[in-house]
Amino acid sequence: MKDWADLIGRIFIAFMFLNEAMDAMFHKTKNIETLLAYGIDWRPNLLINVSIVFLILGGVMVLLGYFSRLGATFLLLYWIPFTFIVYSYWNDPEELRRFHALMFSRNLALCAGLLFIIANGSGKFSVRRLIHTMRLPK
């Protein structure tokens, strides 16, 4: 049961971040405008491109279970700053505070899932295990 839970959890987490990467690619100019609105004006185009690379690489690595710890680290490097910048509910007006507090909590739960992947690896159903257990003819 644990192995299936590892696989399904990795699929769900990877879907979340790959969906985020697709959104970032298709709405790149709006994301750059959002970065500028948050006061992040140091090379916003570069930051968006690096974010997309981290999201795609990390999402695929977690999904396949091949170097999933590295992939989860890439995703954490993107997700933690994103969470604290976008959902800083303690600075928001009262009408947004409850919604942003919920989104902040959701993102911290995703960080916890990524930390579980970093701590436990990808589990039994992974490409990495498949490659390392294959027997090649002599």
Protein backbone atom coordinates (compact mmCIF):
# COMPACT_ATOMS: atom_id res chain seq x y z
CA MET A 1 0.00 0.00 0.00
CA LYS A 2 2.84 2.39 0.83
CA ASP A 3 4.35 1.97 -2.63
CA TRP A 4 1.07 2.80 -4.33
CA ALA A 5 0.57 5.82 -2.06
CA ASP A 6 4.09 7.02 -2.98
CA LEU A 7 3.29 6.70 -6.69
CA ILE A 8 -0.11 8.40 -6.50
CA GLY A 9 1.27 11.18 -4.31
CA ARG A 10 4.12 11.79 -6.74
CA ILE A 11 1.67 11.91 -9.66
CA PHE A 12 -0.55 14.46 -7.88
CA ILE A 13 2.35 16.65 -6.81
CA ALA A 14 3.98 16.50 -10.25
CA PHE A 15 0.67 17.38 -11.93
CA MET A 16 0.37 20.47 -9.74
CA PHE A 17 3.82 21.77 -10.68
CA LEU A 18 3.68 20.80 -14.36
CA ASN A 19 0.35 22.61 -14.58
CA GLU A 20 2.01 25.62 -12.95
CA ALA A 21 4.80 25.44 -15.58
CA MET A 22 2.29 25.37 -18.44
CA ASP A 23 0.46 28.35 -16.96
CA ALA A 24 3.73 30.25 -16.58
CA MET A 25 4.66 29.55 -20.21
CA PHE A 26 1.30 30.54 -21.69
CA HIS A 27 0.87 33.66 -19.55
CA LYS A 28 4.46 34.85 -19.49
CA THR A 29 3.76 38.57 -20.05
CA LYS A 30 1.08 38.62 -17.34
CA ASN A 31 3.49 36.88 -14.95
CA ILE A 32 6.16 39.49 -15.69
CA GLU A 33 3.62 42.22 -14.94
CA THR A 34 2.78 40.46 -11.67
CA LEU A 35 6.45 40.28 -10.70
CA LEU A 36 6.79 44.01 -11.35
CA ALA A 37 3.64 44.68 -9.29
CA TYR A 38 5.23 42.83 -6.34
CA GLY A 39 8.33 45.01 -6.69
CA ILE A 40 10.56 42.33 -8.21
CA ASP A 41 12.18 44.23 -11.04
CA TRP A 42 15.54 42.45 -11.28
CA ARG A 43 15.45 40.67 -14.65
CA PRO A 44 11.84 39.44 -14.50
CA ASN A 45 12.16 37.64 -17.85
CA LEU A 46 15.12 35.62 -16.56
CA LEU A 47 13.31 34.82 -13.30
CA ILE A 48 10.25 33.56 -15.17
CA ASN A 49 12.38 31.41 -17.49
CA VAL A 50 14.36 29.91 -14.59
CA SER A 51 11.10 29.24 -12.76
CA ILE A 52 9.68 27.43 -15.78
CA VAL A 53 12.82 25.29 -16.08
CA PHE A 54 12.73 24.43 -12.36
CA LEU A 55 9.02 23.57 -12.57
CA ILE A 56 9.38 21.34 -15.64
CA LEU A 57 12.56 19.58 -14.53
CA GLY A 58 11.37 19.13 -10.97
CA GLY A 59 7.90 18.02 -12.01
CA VAL A 60 9.18 15.43 -14.50
CA MET A 61 11.80 14.12 -12.07
CA VAL A 62 9.20 13.71 -9.31
CA LEU A 63 6.68 12.16 -11.71
CA LEU A 64 9.08 9.58 -13.09
CA GLY A 65 10.82 8.94 -9.80
CA TYR A 66 14.22 9.45 -11.37
CA PHE A 67 16.37 11.71 -9.18
CA SER A 68 13.12 12.66 -7.46
CA ARG A 69 14.96 14.12 -4.46
CA LEU A 70 16.76 16.58 -6.73
CA GLY A 71 13.49 17.34 -8.53
CA ALA A 72 11.71 17.99 -5.23
CA THR A 73 14.57 20.30 -4.24
CA PHE A 74 14.14 22.27 -7.49
CA LEU A 75 10.44 22.59 -6.76
CA LEU A 76 11.08 23.75 -3.20
CA LEU A 77 13.56 26.36 -4.43
CA TYR A 78 10.75 27.80 -6.52
CA TRP A 79 7.76 27.19 -4.27
CA ILE A 80 8.97 28.56 -0.92
CA PRO A 81 9.87 32.07 -2.16
CA PHE A 82 6.74 32.10 -4.32
CA THR A 83 4.58 31.30 -1.30
CA PHE A 84 6.10 33.95 0.96
CA ILE A 85 5.98 36.65 -1.73
CA VAL A 86 2.53 36.06 -3.23
CA TYR A 87 0.58 34.90 -0.18
CA SER A 88 2.00 37.14 2.54
CA TYR A 89 -1.42 37.40 4.15
CA TRP A 90 -0.07 39.32 7.16
CA ASN A 91 0.47 42.33 4.84
CA ASP A 92 -2.83 42.04 2.96
CA PRO A 93 -5.99 44.07 3.40
CA GLU A 94 -8.71 42.47 5.52
CA GLU A 95 -10.85 41.30 2.58
CA LEU A 96 -7.96 39.23 1.12
CA ARG A 97 -6.41 38.05 4.36
CA ARG A 98 -8.52 34.90 4.89
CA PHE A 99 -8.15 33.69 1.27
CA HIS A 100 -4.40 34.29 1.22
CA ALA A 101 -3.99 32.57 4.58
CA LEU A 102 -5.70 29.49 3.14
CA MET A 103 -3.52 29.59 0.02
CA PHE A 104 -0.42 30.05 2.18
CA SER A 105 -1.39 26.98 4.23
CA ARG A 106 -2.05 24.96 1.07
CA ASN A 107 1.37 25.86 -0.30
CA LEU A 108 3.05 24.90 2.97
CA ALA A 109 1.29 21.53 2.74
CA LEU A 110 2.75 21.08 -0.75
CA CYS A 111 6.16 21.94 0.68
CA ALA A 112 5.62 19.21 3.27
CA GLY A 113 4.86 16.73 0.48
CA LEU A 114 8.07 17.73 -1.30
CA LEU A 115 10.00 17.29 1.94
CA PHE A 116 8.55 13.79 2.25
CA ILE A 117 9.87 13.00 -1.22
CA ILE A 118 13.28 14.40 -0.30
CA ALA A 119 13.33 12.34 2.91
CA ASN A 120 11.96 9.06 1.55
CA GLY A 121 12.86 9.03 -2.14
CA SER A 122 10.57 7.89 -4.90
CA GLY A 123 9.58 4.46 -3.63
CA LYS A 124 9.20 1.12 -5.32
CA PHE A 125 7.35 2.28 -8.45
CA SER A 126 9.93 4.53 -10.06
CA VAL A 127 12.10 4.69 -13.15
CA ARG A 128 15.19 4.86 -10.96
CA ARG A 129 14.38 1.54 -9.28
CA LEU A 130 13.54 0.01 -12.66
CA ILE A 131 16.91 1.03 -14.09
CA HIS A 132 18.87 -0.16 -11.06
CA THR A 133 17.14 -3.54 -10.88
CA MET A 134 17.33 -4.41 -14.58
CA ARG A 135 19.49 -7.38 -15.36
CA LEU A 136 21.46 -7.00 -18.53
CA PRO A 137 22.64 -10.10 -20.41
CA LYS A 138 26.33 -10.95 -20.03
